[in-house]
């Protein structure tokens, strides 16, 4: 058997990965996953907060539209539940859904918008209400 045949035979035997190489690859992937989880988690929290801000602005706009179309002349409170429908009156006047908020700060809550008799959103009374 010549040298070329011996090398060829040896190369055919060592064609796969060794156990050490596989363990190193698995360890690198595990490290990348551990590092990326906090970044993904914080991005999700920011997205939920942005959703809550958009829901809050939409609730204020919907309350203003409802107030103007009803031609009311007294201070009115609107509560917006999870499916976006308005329940006129305070939190006891209807059954608002308690899953309108997405972020941890507003989870299980709904938006309560107070419109003054002049048709202005009362910023002090307009808020997220926890269930």
Protein backbone atom coordinates (compact mmCIF):
# COMPACT_ATOMS: atom_id res chain seq x y z
CA UNK A 1 0.00 0.00 0.00
CA UNK A 2 1.47 3.32 -1.00
CA UNK A 3 1.31 6.62 0.84
CA UNK A 4 -1.49 8.00 -1.30
CA UNK A 5 -3.75 5.06 -0.50
CA UNK A 6 -3.02 5.33 3.23
CA UNK A 7 -3.89 9.05 3.29
CA UNK A 8 -7.02 8.45 1.27
CA UNK A 9 -8.15 5.71 3.68
CA UNK A 10 -7.46 7.91 6.71
CA UNK A 11 -9.36 10.88 5.24
CA UNK A 12 -12.45 8.75 4.69
CA UNK A 13 -12.51 7.76 8.37
CA UNK A 14 -12.34 11.31 9.74
CA UNK A 15 -15.04 12.91 7.62
CA UNK A 16 -17.44 13.89 10.50
CA UNK A 17 -17.40 16.25 13.45
CA UNK A 18 -15.95 15.25 16.78
CA UNK A 19 -17.91 15.37 20.02
CA UNK A 20 -15.82 18.32 21.26
CA UNK A 21 -16.60 20.33 18.14
CA UNK A 22 -20.31 19.68 18.52
CA UNK A 23 -20.24 20.68 22.21
CA UNK A 24 -18.46 23.93 21.36
CA UNK A 25 -21.08 24.79 18.74
CA UNK A 26 -23.92 24.04 21.18
CA UNK A 27 -22.23 26.18 23.86
CA UNK A 28 -21.86 29.13 21.46
CA UNK A 29 -25.52 28.90 20.45
CA UNK A 30 -26.57 28.75 24.11
CA UNK A 31 -24.54 31.87 24.91
CA UNK A 32 -26.10 33.75 21.99
CA UNK A 33 -29.60 32.79 23.15
CA UNK A 34 -28.92 33.89 26.73
CA UNK A 35 -27.58 37.24 25.53
CA UNK A 36 -30.49 37.90 23.13
CA UNK A 37 -33.38 37.12 25.53
CA UNK A 38 -33.15 40.41 27.52
CA UNK A 39 -32.99 42.43 24.30
CA UNK A 40 -36.10 40.76 22.89
CA UNK A 41 -37.91 41.09 26.22
CA UNK A 42 -37.24 44.83 26.49
CA UNK A 43 -38.36 45.32 22.89
CA UNK A 44 -41.64 43.57 23.65
CA UNK A 45 -42.18 45.78 26.71
CA UNK A 46 -41.57 48.90 24.62
CA UNK A 47 -44.01 47.68 21.98
CA UNK A 48 -46.70 47.02 24.60
CA UNK A 49 -46.18 50.50 26.09
CA UNK A 50 -46.47 52.05 22.62
CA UNK A 51 -49.70 50.11 22.07
CA UNK A 52 -51.08 51.45 25.36
CA UNK A 53 -50.16 55.01 24.39
CA UNK A 54 -51.91 54.60 21.03
CA UNK A 55 -54.99 53.09 22.72
CA UNK A 56 -55.07 56.00 25.18
CA UNK A 57 -54.93 58.60 22.39
CA UNK A 58 -57.58 56.71 20.40
CA UNK A 59 -59.86 56.57 23.45
CA UNK A 60 -59.53 60.33 23.96
CA UNK A 61 -60.34 60.97 20.29
CA UNK A 62 -63.32 58.62 20.38
CA UNK A 63 -64.63 60.29 23.54
CA UNK A 64 -64.36 63.71 21.92
CA UNK A 65 -66.24 62.51 18.85
CA UNK A 66 -68.93 60.91 20.97
CA UNK A 67 -69.25 64.02 23.13
CA UNK A 68 -69.54 66.34 20.12
CA UNK A 69 -72.07 64.19 18.29
CA UNK A 70 -74.25 63.80 21.38
CA UNK A 71 -74.29 67.57 21.97
CA UNK A 72 -74.01 67.17 25.73
CA UNK A 73 -73.58 70.20 27.97
CA UNK A 74 -72.47 68.49 31.18
CA UNK A 75 -69.25 66.85 32.22
CA UNK A 76 -69.31 63.29 30.87
CA UNK A 77 -67.15 60.26 31.61
CA UNK A 78 -66.52 57.62 28.96
CA UNK A 79 -64.96 54.24 29.69
CA UNK A 80 -63.42 52.26 26.84
CA UNK A 81 -63.21 48.52 27.14
CA UNK A 82 -61.03 45.99 25.37
CA UNK A 83 -63.04 45.81 22.16
CA UNK A 84 -63.02 49.62 21.79
CA UNK A 85 -66.69 50.21 22.53
CA UNK A 86 -67.60 53.09 24.78
CA UNK A 87 -69.59 52.68 27.94
CA UNK A 88 -71.06 56.00 29.00
CA UNK A 89 -70.84 56.96 32.64
CA UNK A 90 -68.43 55.92 35.34
CA UNK A 91 -66.90 52.50 35.79
CA UNK A 92 -70.08 51.24 37.46
CA UNK A 93 -72.33 52.25 34.54
CA UNK A 94 -71.13 49.40 32.36
CA UNK A 95 -68.88 46.40 32.30
CA UNK A 96 -65.68 47.52 30.62
CA UNK A 97 -63.36 44.73 29.59
CA UNK A 98 -60.36 44.60 31.84
CA UNK A 99 -57.77 43.59 29.27
CA UNK A 100 -57.43 46.82 27.29
CA UNK A 101 -53.94 47.56 28.58
CA UNK A 102 -51.03 45.61 27.13
CA UNK A 103 -48.08 46.68 29.29
CA UNK A 104 -47.53 45.53 32.86
CA UNK A 105 -48.37 49.02 34.17
CA UNK A 106 -51.82 49.03 32.54
CA UNK A 107 -52.63 45.32 32.41
CA UNK A 108 -56.19 44.39 33.38
CA UNK A 109 -57.40 47.93 33.05
CA UNK A 110 -59.42 50.23 30.83
CA UNK A 111 -59.29 53.84 29.71
CA UNK A 112 -61.54 56.37 31.41
CA UNK A 113 -61.89 59.71 29.59
CA UNK A 114 -63.57 62.72 31.21
CA UNK A 115 -64.85 65.50 28.97
CA UNK A 116 -65.71 68.79 30.65
CA UNK A 117 -68.92 70.67 29.89
CA UNK A 118 -66.90 72.91 27.54
CA UNK A 119 -65.88 69.89 25.45
CA UNK A 120 -62.28 69.72 26.68
CA UNK A 121 -60.57 66.52 27.82
CA UNK A 122 -59.88 66.84 31.55
CA UNK A 123 -56.25 65.71 31.72
CA UNK A 124 -56.31 65.30 35.48
CA UNK A 125 -59.27 62.90 35.47
CA UNK A 126 -58.51 61.05 32.24
CA UNK A 127 -56.51 57.95 33.14
CA UNK A 128 -55.99 54.22 33.02
CA UNK A 129 -58.24 52.50 35.56
CA UNK A 130 -57.12 49.22 37.08
CA UNK A 131 -59.66 46.47 37.61
